[in-house]
Amino acid sequence: MTQENNTMYLNLLETLTIQPNTIFMGDFNYPTINWESYMTSNIHAQRFLDFVKTNFLDQIVNTPSMGATIMDLVLTNMEECCTPLTVMPSLVRSDHKMVSFEVKINPGPLAKTGIFIF
């Protein structure tokens, strides 16, 4: 990712209003982040970490998904929403492993709908 693209991406993220029951997932491409300590020496990665911390998001992938690095992330503000989470070999030709999980949420009560008689 170029520095310009990274800046635009981070600016976009920072405009989001995080709602309850939020999940972000994908290849975020921040190889310098240590997800055990939530530390990095890279300024762009630090802005991303600041976004994660400010919005009380947890990164729940704890197994490397590309080489020895955790590149594919699942960020959420829901406790135990995505279990069991496993990292396994890719089903296609890719340098990334596959991250697999189930999303467990309670959708809440269904909205009542009106019945119209004509």
PDB file of N, CA and C in Angstrom:
ATOM      1  N   MET A   1       0.844  -1.162   0.000  1.00  0.00           N
ATOM      2  CA  MET A   1       0.000   0.000   0.000  1.00  0.00           C
ATOM      3  C   MET A   1       0.899   1.238   0.000  1.00  0.00           C
ATOM      4  N   THR A   2       0.629   2.176  -0.886  1.00  0.00           N
ATOM      5  CA  THR A   2       1.421   3.393  -0.923  1.00  0.00           C
ATOM      6  C   THR A   2       1.094   4.262   0.280  1.00  0.00           C
ATOM      7  N   GLN A   3       1.980   5.192   0.584  1.00  0.00           N
ATOM      8  CA  GLN A   3       1.758   6.085   1.720  1.00  0.00           C
ATOM      9  C   GLN A   3       0.478   6.902   1.508  1.00  0.00           C
ATOM     10  N   GLU A   4       0.243   7.360   0.267  1.00  0.00           N
ATOM     11  CA  GLU A   4      -0.963   8.142  -0.028  1.00  0.00           C
ATOM     12  C   GLU A   4      -2.231   7.309   0.182  1.00  0.00           C
ATOM     13  N   ASN A   5      -2.224   6.069  -0.324  1.00  0.00           N
ATOM     14  CA  ASN A   5      -3.381   5.193  -0.138  1.00  0.00           C
ATOM     15  C   ASN A   5      -3.613   4.875   1.333  1.00  0.00           C
ATOM     16  N   ASN A   6      -2.535   4.651   2.059  1.00  0.00           N
ATOM     17  CA  ASN A   6      -2.650   4.357   3.482  1.00  0.00           C
ATOM     18  C   ASN A   6      -3.255   5.540   4.228  1.00  0.00           C
ATOM     19  N   THR A   7      -2.830   6.746   3.897  1.00  0.00           N
ATOM     20  CA  THR A   7      -3.361   7.943   4.539  1.00  0.00           C
ATOM     21  C   THR A   7      -4.847   8.097   4.236  1.00  0.00           C
ATOM     22  N   MET A   8      -5.245   7.891   2.984  1.00  0.00           N
ATOM     23  CA  MET A   8      -6.664   7.989   2.618  1.00  0.00           C
ATOM     24  C   MET A   8      -7.485   6.932   3.358  1.00  0.00           C
ATOM     25  N   TYR A   9      -6.948   5.718   3.436  1.00  0.00           N
ATOM     26  CA  TYR A   9      -7.626   4.616   4.133  1.00  0.00           C
ATOM     27  C   TYR A   9      -7.824   4.948   5.611  1.00  0.00           C
ATOM     28  N   LEU A  10      -6.775   5.416   6.263  1.00  0.00           N
ATOM     29  CA  LEU A  10      -6.869   5.756   7.686  1.00  0.00           C
ATOM     30  C   LEU A  10      -7.817   6.933   7.908  1.00  0.00           C
ATOM     31  N   ASN A  11      -7.787   7.930   7.019  1.00  0.00           N
ATOM     32  CA  ASN A  11      -8.711   9.053   7.132  1.00  0.00           C
ATOM     33  C   ASN A  11     -10.158   8.571   7.034  1.00  0.00           C
ATOM     34  N   LEU A  12     -10.421   7.626   6.135  1.00  0.00           N
ATOM     35  CA  LEU A  12     -11.761   7.064   5.992  1.00  0.00           C
ATOM     36  C   LEU A  12     -12.172   6.313   7.266  1.00  0.00           C
ATOM     37  N   LEU A  13     -11.287   5.470   7.777  1.00  0.00           N
ATOM     38  CA  LEU A  13     -11.590   4.727   9.006  1.00  0.00           C
ATOM     39  C   LEU A  13     -11.933   5.664  10.154  1.00  0.00           C
ATOM     40  N   GLU A  14     -11.188   6.750  10.269  1.00  0.00           N
ATOM     41  CA  GLU A  14     -11.382   7.665  11.387  1.00  0.00           C
ATOM     42  C   GLU A  14     -12.701   8.427  11.304  1.00  0.00           C
ATOM     43  N   THR A  15     -13.357   8.418  10.147  1.00  0.00           N
ATOM     44  CA  THR A  15     -14.660   9.078  10.028  1.00  0.00           C
ATOM     45  C   THR A  15     -15.805   8.160  10.450  1.00  0.00           C
ATOM     46  N   LEU A  16     -15.525   6.877  10.616  1.00  0.00           N
ATOM     47  CA  LEU A  16     -16.577   5.932  10.956  1.00  0.00           C
ATOM     48  C   LEU A  16     -17.037   6.095  12.396  1.00  0.00           C
ATOM     49  N   THR A  17     -18.302   5.924  12.598  1.00  0.00           N
ATOM     50  CA  THR A  17     -18.859   5.857  13.942  1.00  0.00           C
ATOM     51  C   THR A  17     -19.126   4.384  14.217  1.00  0.00           C
ATOM     52  N   ILE A  18     -18.381   3.817  15.133  1.00  0.00           N
ATOM     53  CA  ILE A  18     -18.481   2.397  15.415  1.00  0.00           C
ATOM     54  C   ILE A  18     -19.748   2.143  16.235  1.00  0.00           C
ATOM     55  N   GLN A  19     -20.556   1.234  15.756  1.00  0.00           N
ATOM     56  CA  GLN A  19     -21.800   0.852  16.406  1.00  0.00           C
ATOM     57  C   GLN A  19     -21.584  -0.429  17.222  1.00  0.00           C
ATOM     58  N   PRO A  20     -22.505  -0.730  18.135  1.00  0.00           N
ATOM     59  CA  PRO A  20     -22.428  -2.024  18.808  1.00  0.00           C
ATOM     60  C   PRO A  20     -22.516  -3.145  17.763  1.00  0.00           C
ATOM     61  N   ASN A  21     -21.961  -4.287  18.089  1.00  0.00           N
ATOM     62  CA  ASN A  21     -21.991  -5.459  17.203  1.00  0.00           C
ATOM     63  C   ASN A  21     -21.287  -5.195  15.877  1.00  0.00           C
ATOM     64  N   THR A  22     -20.094  -4.621  15.953  1.00  0.00           N
ATOM     65  CA  THR A  22     -19.299  -4.318  14.767  1.00  0.00           C
ATOM     66  C   THR A  22     -18.220  -5.371  14.570  1.00  0.00           C
ATOM     67  N   ILE A  23     -18.032  -5.774  13.312  1.00  0.00           N
ATOM     68  CA  ILE A  23     -16.941  -6.680  12.946  1.00  0.00           C
ATOM     69  C   ILE A  23     -16.288  -6.123  11.687  1.00  0.00           C
ATOM     70  N   PHE A  24     -14.961  -5.930  11.728  1.00  0.00           N
ATOM     71  CA  PHE A  24     -14.158  -5.620  10.555  1.00  0.00           C
ATOM     72  C   PHE A  24     -13.280  -6.831  10.310  1.00  0.00           C
ATOM     73  N   MET A  25     -13.158  -7.251   9.066  1.00  0.00           N
ATOM     74  CA  MET A  25     -12.274  -8.378   8.795  1.00  0.00           C
ATOM     75  C   MET A  25     -11.608  -8.199   7.432  1.00  0.00           C
ATOM     76  N   GLY A  26     -10.417  -8.760   7.315  1.00  0.00           N
ATOM     77  CA  GLY A  26      -9.721  -8.719   6.037  1.00  0.00           C
ATOM     78  C   GLY A  26      -8.224  -8.595   6.201  1.00  0.00           C
ATOM     79  N   ASP A  27      -7.552  -8.401   5.069  1.00  0.00           N
ATOM     80  CA  ASP A  27      -6.102  -8.223   5.023  1.00  0.00           C
ATOM     81  C   ASP A  27      -5.826  -6.738   5.218  1.00  0.00           C
ATOM     82  N   PHE A  28      -5.460  -6.348   6.423  1.00  0.00           N
ATOM     83  CA  PHE A  28      -5.234  -4.936   6.718  1.00  0.00           C
ATOM     84  C   PHE A  28      -3.813  -4.497   6.404  1.00  0.00           C
ATOM     85  N   ASN A  29      -2.925  -5.443   6.137  1.00  0.00           N
ATOM     86  CA  ASN A  29      -1.578  -5.148   5.641  1.00  0.00           C
ATOM     87  C   ASN A  29      -0.754  -4.275   6.588  1.00  0.00           C
ATOM     88  N   TYR A  30      -0.743  -4.632   7.861  1.00  0.00           N
ATOM     89  CA  TYR A  30       0.097  -3.956   8.847  1.00  0.00           C
ATOM     90  C   TYR A  30       1.023  -4.992   9.494  1.00  0.00           C
ATOM     91  N   PRO A  31       2.069  -5.417   8.774  1.00  0.00           N
ATOM     92  CA  PRO A  31       2.927  -6.490   9.289  1.00  0.00           C
ATOM     93  C   PRO A  31       3.775  -6.088  10.489  1.00  0.00           C
ATOM     94  N   THR A  32       3.900  -4.783  10.764  1.00  0.00           N
ATOM     95  CA  THR A  32       4.756  -4.353  11.879  1.00  0.00           C
ATOM     96  C   THR A  32       4.037  -4.350  13.224  1.00  0.00           C
ATOM     97  N   ILE A  33       2.728  -4.603  13.224  1.00  0.00           N
ATOM     98  CA  ILE A  33       1.990  -4.592  14.491  1.00  0.00           C
ATOM     99  C   ILE A  33       2.195  -5.908  15.237  1.00  0.00           C
ATOM    100  N   ASN A  34       2.554  -5.791  16.494  1.00  0.00           N
ATOM    101  CA  ASN A  34       2.610  -6.942  17.391  1.00  0.00           C
ATOM    102  C   ASN A  34       1.262  -6.991  18.097  1.00  0.00           C
ATOM    103  N   TRP A  35       0.442  -7.973  17.741  1.00  0.00           N
ATOM    104  CA  TRP A  35      -0.918  -8.026  18.268  1.00  0.00           C
ATOM    105  C   TRP A  35      -1.003  -8.551  19.694  1.00  0.00           C
ATOM    106  N   GLU A  36       0.081  -9.085  20.219  1.00  0.00           N
ATOM    107  CA  GLU A  36       0.079  -9.481  21.635  1.00  0.00           C
ATOM    108  C   GLU A  36       0.213  -8.252  22.523  1.00  0.00           C
ATOM    109  N   SER A  37       1.041  -7.294  22.096  1.00  0.00           N
ATOM    110  CA  SER A  37       1.279  -6.098  22.900  1.00  0.00           C
ATOM    111  C   SER A  37       0.558  -4.857  22.362  1.00  0.00           C
ATOM    112  N   TYR A  38      -0.047  -4.978  21.183  1.00  0.00           N
ATOM    113  CA  TYR A  38      -0.676  -3.829  20.510  1.00  0.00           C
ATOM    114  C   TYR A  38       0.336  -2.696  20.359  1.00  0.00           C
ATOM    115  N   MET A  39       1.540  -3.057  19.870  1.00  0.00           N
ATOM    116  CA  MET A  39       2.625  -2.086  19.689  1.00  0.00           C
ATOM    117  C   MET A  39       3.146  -2.161  18.255  1.00  0.00           C
ATOM    118  N   THR A  40       3.694  -1.052  17.787  1.00  0.00           N
ATOM    119  CA  THR A  40       4.337  -0.992  16.484  1.00  0.00           C
ATOM    120  C   THR A  40       5.316   0.166  16.479  1.00  0.00           C
ATOM    121  N   SER A  41       6.267   0.122  15.554  1.00  0.00           N
ATOM    122  CA  SER A  41       7.214   1.232  15.388  1.00  0.00           C
ATOM    123  C   SER A  41       6.900   2.031  14.120  1.00  0.00           C
ATOM    124  N   ASN A  42       5.845   1.635  13.393  1.00  0.00           N
ATOM    125  CA  ASN A  42       5.475   2.278  12.135  1.00  0.00           C
ATOM    126  C   ASN A  42       4.389   3.318  12.383  1.00  0.00           C
ATOM    127  N   ILE A  43       4.562   4.533  11.857  1.00  0.00           N
ATOM    128  CA  ILE A  43       3.620   5.626  12.124  1.00  0.00           C
ATOM    129  C   ILE A  43       2.227   5.337  11.569  1.00  0.00           C
ATOM    130  N   HIS A  44       2.132   4.715  10.372  1.00  0.00           N
ATOM    131  CA  HIS A  44       0.821   4.405   9.802  1.00  0.00           C
ATOM    132  C   HIS A  44       0.138   3.299  10.594  1.00  0.00           C
ATOM    133  N   ALA A  45       0.902   2.308  10.979  1.00  0.00           N
ATOM    134  CA  ALA A  45       0.352   1.232  11.792  1.00  0.00           C
ATOM    135  C   ALA A  45      -0.091   1.769  13.156  1.00  0.00           C
ATOM    136  N   GLN A  46       0.626   2.760  13.689  1.00  0.00           N
ATOM    137  CA  GLN A  46       0.244   3.349  14.966  1.00  0.00           C
ATOM    138  C   GLN A  46      -1.088   4.073  14.850  1.00  0.00           C
ATOM    139  N   ARG A  47      -1.322   4.766  13.736  1.00  0.00           N
ATOM    140  CA  ARG A  47      -2.630   5.420  13.537  1.00  0.00           C
ATOM    141  C   ARG A  47      -3.742   4.382  13.488  1.00  0.00           C
ATOM    142  N   PHE A  48      -3.470   3.246  12.842  1.00  0.00           N
ATOM    143  CA  PHE A  48      -4.454   2.172  12.791  1.00  0.00           C
ATOM    144  C   PHE A  48      -4.709   1.618  14.194  1.00  0.00           C
ATOM    145  N   LEU A  49      -3.637   1.389  14.949  1.00  0.00           N
ATOM    146  CA  LEU A  49      -3.788   0.914  16.326  1.00  0.00           C
ATOM    147  C   LEU A  49      -4.562   1.914  17.179  1.00  0.00           C
ATOM    148  N   ASP A  50      -4.320   3.186  16.976  1.00  0.00           N
ATOM    149  CA  ASP A  50      -5.063   4.213  17.717  1.00  0.00           C
ATOM    150  C   ASP A  50      -6.552   4.114  17.408  1.00  0.00           C
ATOM    151  N   PHE A  51      -6.896   3.874  16.125  1.00  0.00           N
ATOM    152  CA  PHE A  51      -8.296   3.690  15.741  1.00  0.00           C
ATOM    153  C   PHE A  51      -8.883   2.479  16.462  1.00  0.00           C
ATOM    154  N   VAL A  52      -8.141   1.381  16.482  1.00  0.00           N
ATOM    155  CA  VAL A  52      -8.606   0.144  17.138  1.00  0.00           C
ATOM    156  C   VAL A  52      -8.839   0.392  18.627  1.00  0.00           C
ATOM    157  N   LYS A  53      -7.874   1.018  19.288  1.00  0.00           N
ATOM    158  CA  LYS A  53      -7.977   1.257  20.734  1.00  0.00           C
ATOM    159  C   LYS A  53      -9.081   2.259  21.065  1.00  0.00           C
ATOM    160  N   THR A  54      -9.163   3.346  20.316  1.00  0.00           N
ATOM    161  CA  THR A  54     -10.163   4.383  20.564  1.00  0.00           C
ATOM    162  C   THR A  54     -11.581   3.838  20.457  1.00  0.00           C
ATOM    163  N   ASN A  55     -11.769   2.867  19.568  1.00  0.00           N
ATOM    164  CA  ASN A  55     -13.102   2.298  19.334  1.00  0.00           C
ATOM    165  C   ASN A  55     -13.324   0.992  20.087  1.00  0.00           C
ATOM    166  N   PHE A  56     -12.424   0.674  21.015  1.00  0.00           N
ATOM    167  CA  PHE A  56     -12.552  -0.505  21.877  1.00  0.00           C
ATOM    168  C   PHE A  56     -12.759  -1.782  21.068  1.00  0.00           C
ATOM    169  N   LEU A  57     -11.975  -1.914  19.994  1.00  0.00           N
ATOM    170  CA  LEU A  57     -12.039  -3.116  19.164  1.00  0.00           C
ATOM    171  C   LEU A  57     -10.977  -4.100  19.623  1.00  0.00           C
ATOM    172  N   ASP A  58     -11.303  -5.374  19.591  1.00  0.00           N
ATOM    173  CA  ASP A  58     -10.345  -6.438  19.880  1.00  0.00           C
ATOM    174  C   ASP A  58      -9.986  -7.128  18.580  1.00  0.00           C
ATOM    175  N   GLN A  59      -8.702  -7.434  18.416  1.00  0.00           N
ATOM    176  CA  GLN A  59      -8.235  -8.202  17.265  1.00  0.00           C
ATOM    177  C   GLN A  59      -8.132  -9.643  17.740  1.00  0.00           C
ATOM    178  N   ILE A  60      -8.905 -10.554  17.128  1.00  0.00           N
ATOM    179  CA  ILE A  60      -9.044 -11.890  17.709  1.00  0.00           C
ATOM    180  C   ILE A  60      -8.323 -12.998  16.951  1.00  0.00           C
ATOM    181  N   VAL A  61      -7.615 -12.672  15.875  1.00  0.00           N
ATOM    182  CA  VAL A  61      -6.793 -13.687  15.199  1.00  0.00           C
ATOM    183  C   VAL A  61      -5.459 -13.735  15.932  1.00  0.00           C
ATOM    184  N   ASN A  62      -5.070 -14.900  16.429  1.00  0.00           N
ATOM    185  CA  ASN A  62      -3.814 -14.987  17.177  1.00  0.00           C
ATOM    186  C   ASN A  62      -2.814 -15.960  16.560  1.00  0.00           C
ATOM    187  N   THR A  63      -3.101 -16.391  15.330  1.00  0.00           N
ATOM    188  CA  THR A  63      -2.214 -17.304  14.608  1.00  0.00           C
ATOM    189  C   THR A  63      -1.782 -16.623  13.315  1.00  0.00           C
ATOM    190  N   PRO A  64      -0.495 -16.690  12.958  1.00  0.00           N
ATOM    191  CA  PRO A  64      -0.050 -16.052  11.712  1.00  0.00           C
ATOM    192  C   PRO A  64      -0.850 -16.545  10.502  1.00  0.00           C
ATOM    193  N   SER A  65      -1.197 -15.610   9.629  1.00  0.00           N
ATOM    194  CA  SER A  65      -1.972 -15.948   8.434  1.00  0.00           C
ATOM    195  C   SER A  65      -1.192 -15.732   7.145  1.00  0.00           C
ATOM    196  N   MET A  66       0.009 -15.169   7.258  1.00  0.00           N
ATOM    197  CA  MET A  66       0.889 -15.001   6.099  1.00  0.00           C
ATOM    198  C   MET A  66       2.323 -15.106   6.602  1.00  0.00           C
ATOM    199  N   GLY A  67       2.957 -16.211   6.302  1.00  0.00           N
ATOM    200  CA  GLY A  67       4.291 -16.437   6.847  1.00  0.00           C
ATOM    201  C   GLY A  67       4.207 -16.477   8.363  1.00  0.00           C
ATOM    202  N   ALA A  68       5.042 -15.661   9.025  1.00  0.00           N
ATOM    203  CA  ALA A  68       5.040 -15.606  10.486  1.00  0.00           C
ATOM    204  C   ALA A  68       4.271 -14.395  11.008  1.00  0.00           C
ATOM    205  N   THR A  69       3.477 -13.753  10.141  1.00  0.00           N
ATOM    206  CA  THR A  69       2.809 -12.498  10.479  1.00  0.00           C
ATOM    207  C   THR A  69       1.293 -12.653  10.500  1.00  0.00           C
ATOM    208  N   ILE A  70       0.651 -11.980  11.428  1.00  0.00           N
ATOM    209  CA  ILE A  70      -0.811 -11.918  11.448  1.00  0.00           C
ATOM    210  C   ILE A  70      -1.210 -10.733  10.567  1.00  0.00           C
ATOM    211  N   MET A  71      -1.584 -11.032   9.329  1.00  0.00           N
ATOM    212  CA  MET A  71      -1.967  -9.987   8.370  1.00  0.00           C
ATOM    213  C   MET A  71      -3.479  -9.911   8.204  1.00  0.00           C
ATOM    214  N   ASP A  72      -4.145 -11.030   8.337  1.00  0.00           N
ATOM    215  CA  ASP A  72      -5.594 -11.088   8.159  1.00  0.00           C
ATOM    216  C   ASP A  72      -6.234 -10.971   9.535  1.00  0.00           C
ATOM    217  N   LEU A  73      -7.009  -9.916   9.715  1.00  0.00           N
ATOM    218  CA  LEU A  73      -7.508  -9.557  11.033  1.00  0.00           C
ATOM    219  C   LEU A  73      -9.015  -9.711  11.123  1.00  0.00           C
ATOM    220  N   VAL A  74      -9.483  -9.969  12.334  1.00  0.00           N
ATOM    221  CA  VAL A  74     -10.900  -9.881  12.675  1.00  0.00           C
ATOM    222  C   VAL A  74     -10.954  -8.955  13.884  1.00  0.00           C
ATOM    223  N   LEU A  75     -11.511  -7.771  13.675  1.00  0.00           N
ATOM    224  CA  LEU A  75     -11.630  -6.756  14.716  1.00  0.00           C
ATOM    225  C   LEU A  75     -13.095  -6.640  15.109  1.00  0.00           C
ATOM    226  N   THR A  76     -13.375  -6.665  16.396  1.00  0.00           N
ATOM    227  CA  THR A  76     -14.769  -6.626  16.837  1.00  0.00           C
ATOM    228  C   THR A  76     -14.888  -5.976  18.210  1.00  0.00           C
ATOM    229  N   ASN A  77     -16.086  -5.492  18.499  1.00  0.00           N
ATOM    230  CA  ASN A  77     -16.384  -4.982  19.835  1.00  0.00           C
ATOM    231  C   ASN A  77     -17.393  -5.880  20.547  1.00  0.00           C
ATOM    232  N   MET A  78     -17.538  -7.114  20.056  1.00  0.00           N
ATOM    233  CA  MET A  78     -18.441  -8.091  20.679  1.00  0.00           C
ATOM    234  C   MET A  78     -17.616  -9.216  21.284  1.00  0.00           C
ATOM    235  N   GLU A  79     -17.820  -9.474  22.555  1.00  0.00           N
ATOM    236  CA  GLU A  79     -17.090 -10.566  23.193  1.00  0.00           C
ATOM    237  C   GLU A  79     -17.557 -11.903  22.635  1.00  0.00           C
ATOM    238  N   GLU A  80     -16.609 -12.741  22.305  1.00  0.00           N
ATOM    239  CA  GLU A  80     -16.872 -14.113  21.856  1.00  0.00           C
ATOM    240  C   GLU A  80     -17.886 -14.202  20.710  1.00  0.00           C
ATOM    241  N   CYS A  81     -17.814 -13.261  19.777  1.00  0.00           N
ATOM    242  CA  CYS A  81     -18.760 -13.261  18.652  1.00  0.00           C
ATOM    243  C   CYS A  81     -18.352 -14.226  17.554  1.00  0.00           C
ATOM    244  N   CYS A  82     -17.088 -14.478  17.453  1.00  0.00           N
ATOM    245  CA  CYS A  82     -16.566 -15.173  16.275  1.00  0.00           C
ATOM    246  C   CYS A  82     -15.796 -16.413  16.701  1.00  0.00           C
ATOM    247  N   THR A  83     -16.520 -17.442  17.106  1.00  0.00           N
ATOM    248  CA  THR A  83     -15.853 -18.653  17.564  1.00  0.00           C
ATOM    249  C   THR A  83     -16.490 -19.859  16.896  1.00  0.00           C
ATOM    250  N   PRO A  84     -15.833 -20.923  16.739  1.00  0.00           N
ATOM    251  CA  PRO A  84     -14.391 -21.047  16.938  1.00  0.00           C
ATOM    252  C   PRO A  84     -13.646 -20.439  15.747  1.00  0.00           C
ATOM    253  N   LEU A  85     -12.605 -19.691  16.015  1.00  0.00           N
ATOM    254  CA  LEU A  85     -11.798 -19.079  14.960  1.00  0.00           C
ATOM    255  C   LEU A  85     -10.581 -19.957  14.717  1.00  0.00           C
ATOM    256  N   THR A  86     -10.363 -20.337  13.472  1.00  0.00           N
ATOM    257  CA  THR A  86      -9.207 -21.158  13.119  1.00  0.00           C
ATOM    258  C   THR A  86      -8.523 -20.577  11.896  1.00  0.00           C
ATOM    259  N   VAL A  87      -7.218 -20.760  11.838  1.00  0.00           N
ATOM    260  CA  VAL A  87      -6.421 -20.387  10.672  1.00  0.00           C
ATOM    261  C   VAL A  87      -5.938 -21.680  10.063  1.00  0.00           C
ATOM    262  N   MET A  88      -6.228 -21.865   8.766  1.00  0.00           N
ATOM    263  CA  MET A  88      -5.898 -23.121   8.097  1.00  0.00           C
ATOM    264  C   MET A  88      -5.334 -22.845   6.711  1.00  0.00           C
ATOM    265  N   PRO A  89      -4.762 -23.853   6.064  1.00  0.00           N
ATOM    266  CA  PRO A  89      -4.218 -23.640   4.725  1.00  0.00           C
ATOM    267  C   PRO A  89      -5.286 -23.116   3.768  1.00  0.00           C
ATOM    268  N   SER A  90      -4.838 -22.305   2.825  1.00  0.00           N
ATOM    269  CA  SER A  90      -5.745 -21.717   1.850  1.00  0.00           C
ATOM    270  C   SER A  90      -6.320 -22.783   0.923  1.00  0.00           C
ATOM    271  N   LEU A  91      -7.563 -22.573   0.500  1.00  0.00           N
ATOM    272  CA  LEU A  91      -8.190 -23.487  -0.462  1.00  0.00           C
ATOM    273  C   LEU A  91      -7.788 -23.158  -1.899  1.00  0.00           C
ATOM    274  N   VAL A  92      -7.231 -21.988  -2.103  1.00  0.00           N
ATOM    275  CA  VAL A  92      -6.788 -21.554  -3.428  1.00  0.00           C
ATOM    276  C   VAL A  92      -5.306 -21.207  -3.346  1.00  0.00           C
ATOM    277  N   ARG A  93      -4.705 -20.971  -4.491  1.00  0.00           N
ATOM    278  CA  ARG A  93      -3.286 -20.609  -4.527  1.00  0.00           C
ATOM    279  C   ARG A  93      -3.144 -19.176  -4.012  1.00  0.00           C
ATOM    280  N   SER A  94      -2.641 -19.043  -2.792  1.00  0.00           N
ATOM    281  CA  SER A  94      -2.506 -17.739  -2.152  1.00  0.00           C
ATOM    282  C   SER A  94      -1.361 -17.782  -1.162  1.00  0.00           C
ATOM    283  N   ASP A  95      -0.761 -16.614  -0.893  1.00  0.00           N
ATOM    284  CA  ASP A  95       0.277 -16.556   0.126  1.00  0.00           C
ATOM    285  C   ASP A  95      -0.326 -16.332   1.515  1.00  0.00           C
ATOM    286  N   HIS A  96      -1.641 -16.197   1.584  1.00  0.00           N
ATOM    287  CA  HIS A  96      -2.350 -16.051   2.854  1.00  0.00           C
ATOM    288  C   HIS A  96      -3.052 -17.355   3.203  1.00  0.00           C
ATOM    289  N   LYS A  97      -3.122 -17.636   4.493  1.00  0.00           N
ATOM    290  CA  LYS A  97      -3.921 -18.760   4.961  1.00  0.00           C
ATOM    291  C   LYS A  97      -5.376 -18.302   5.084  1.00  0.00           C
ATOM    292  N   MET A  98      -6.262 -19.256   5.245  1.00  0.00           N
ATOM    293  CA  MET A  98      -7.676 -18.959   5.372  1.00  0.00           C
ATOM    294  C   MET A  98      -8.034 -18.817   6.857  1.00  0.00           C
ATOM    295  N   VAL A  99      -8.793 -17.767   7.165  1.00  0.00           N
ATOM    296  CA  VAL A  99      -9.302 -17.562   8.524  1.00  0.00           C
ATOM    297  C   VAL A  99     -10.777 -17.941   8.497  1.00  0.00           C
ATOM    298  N   SER A 100     -11.142 -18.875   9.347  1.00  0.00           N
ATOM    299  CA  SER A 100     -12.509 -19.381   9.361  1.00  0.00           C
ATOM    300  C   SER A 100     -13.111 -19.188  10.751  1.00  0.00           C
ATOM    301  N   PHE A 101     -14.372 -18.727  10.793  1.00  0.00           N
ATOM    302  CA  PHE A 101     -15.063 -18.555  12.060  1.00  0.00           C
ATOM    303  C   PHE A 101     -16.556 -18.441  11.813  1.00  0.00           C
ATOM    304  N   GLU A 102     -17.319 -18.630  12.867  1.00  0.00           N
ATOM    305  CA  GLU A 102     -18.761 -18.429  12.839  1.00  0.00           C
ATOM    306  C   GLU A 102     -19.069 -17.133  13.560  1.00  0.00           C
ATOM    307  N   VAL A 103     -20.013 -16.372  13.032  1.00  0.00           N
ATOM    308  CA  VAL A 103     -20.456 -15.149  13.706  1.00  0.00           C
ATOM    309  C   VAL A 103     -21.680 -15.493  14.541  1.00  0.00           C
ATOM    310  N   LYS A 104     -21.573 -15.257  15.826  1.00  0.00           N
ATOM    311  CA  LYS A 104     -22.667 -15.569  16.745  1.00  0.00           C
ATOM    312  C   LYS A 104     -23.196 -14.269  17.327  1.00  0.00           C
ATOM    313  N   ILE A 105     -24.369 -13.872  16.849  1.00  0.00           N
ATOM    314  CA  ILE A 105     -24.982 -12.660  17.371  1.00  0.00           C
ATOM    315  C   ILE A 105     -26.460 -12.925  17.643  1.00  0.00           C
ATOM    316  N   ASN A 106     -26.997 -12.154  18.526  1.00  0.00           N
ATOM    317  CA  ASN A 106     -28.417 -12.205  18.807  1.00  0.00           C
ATOM    318  C   ASN A 106     -29.051 -11.038  18.065  1.00  0.00           C
ATOM    319  N   PRO A 107     -29.884 -11.306  17.056  1.00  0.00           N
ATOM    320  CA  PRO A 107     -30.437 -10.213  16.259  1.00  0.00           C
ATOM    321  C   PRO A 107     -31.456  -9.372  17.007  1.00  0.00           C
ATOM    322  N   GLY A 108     -31.888  -9.817  18.171  1.00  0.00           N
ATOM    323  CA  GLY A 108     -32.874  -9.057  18.931  1.00  0.00           C
ATOM    324  C   GLY A 108     -34.277  -9.325  18.423  1.00  0.00           C
ATOM    325  N   PRO A 109     -35.242  -8.639  18.987  1.00  0.00           N
ATOM    326  CA  PRO A 109     -36.641  -8.894  18.587  1.00  0.00           C
ATOM    327  C   PRO A 109     -36.897  -8.416  17.151  1.00  0.00           C
ATOM    328  N   LEU A 110     -37.762  -9.127  16.475  1.00  0.00           N
ATOM    329  CA  LEU A 110     -38.133  -8.740  15.127  1.00  0.00           C
ATOM    330  C   LEU A 110     -39.103  -7.569  15.181  1.00  0.00           C
ATOM    331  N   ALA A 111     -38.981  -6.715  14.192  1.00  0.00           N
ATOM    332  CA  ALA A 111     -39.863  -5.562  14.116  1.00  0.00           C
ATOM    333  C   ALA A 111     -41.267  -6.022  13.738  1.00  0.00           C
ATOM    334  N   LYS A 112     -42.265  -5.403  14.346  1.00  0.00           N
ATOM    335  CA  LYS A 112     -43.645  -5.739  14.000  1.00  0.00           C
ATOM    336  C   LYS A 112     -44.006  -5.076  12.680  1.00  0.00           C
ATOM    337  N   THR A 113     -44.731  -5.811  11.874  1.00  0.00           N
ATOM    338  CA  THR A 113     -45.172  -5.250  10.606  1.00  0.00           C
ATOM    339  C   THR A 113     -46.688  -5.130  10.630  1.00  0.00           C
ATOM    340  N   GLY A 114     -47.166  -4.127   9.977  1.00  0.00           N
ATOM    341  CA  GLY A 114     -48.607  -3.913   9.932  1.00  0.00           C
ATOM    342  C   GLY A 114     -49.272  -4.821   8.908  1.00  0.00           C
ATOM    343  N   ILE A 115     -50.520  -5.144   9.166  1.00  0.00           N
ATOM    344  CA  ILE A 115     -51.318  -5.926   8.214  1.00  0.00           C
ATOM    345  C   ILE A 115     -52.413  -4.995   7.692  1.00  0.00           C
ATOM    346  N   PHE A 116     -52.410  -4.840   6.411  1.00  0.00           N
ATOM    347  CA  PHE A 116     -53.371  -3.942   5.786  1.00  0.00           C
ATOM    348  C   PHE A 116     -54.476  -4.759   5.110  1.00  0.00           C
ATOM    349  N   ILE A 117     -55.711  -4.446   5.410  1.00  0.00           N
ATOM    350  CA  ILE A 117     -56.863  -5.122   4.790  1.00  0.00           C
ATOM    351  C   ILE A 117     -57.553  -4.098   3.924  1.00  0.00           C
ATOM    352  N   PHE A 118     -57.689  -4.427   2.648  1.00  0.00           N
ATOM    353  CA  PHE A 118     -58.329  -3.506   1.703  1.00  0.00           C
ATOM    354  C   PHE A 118     -59.699  -4.005   1.322  1.00  0.00           C
TER     355      PHE A 118
END
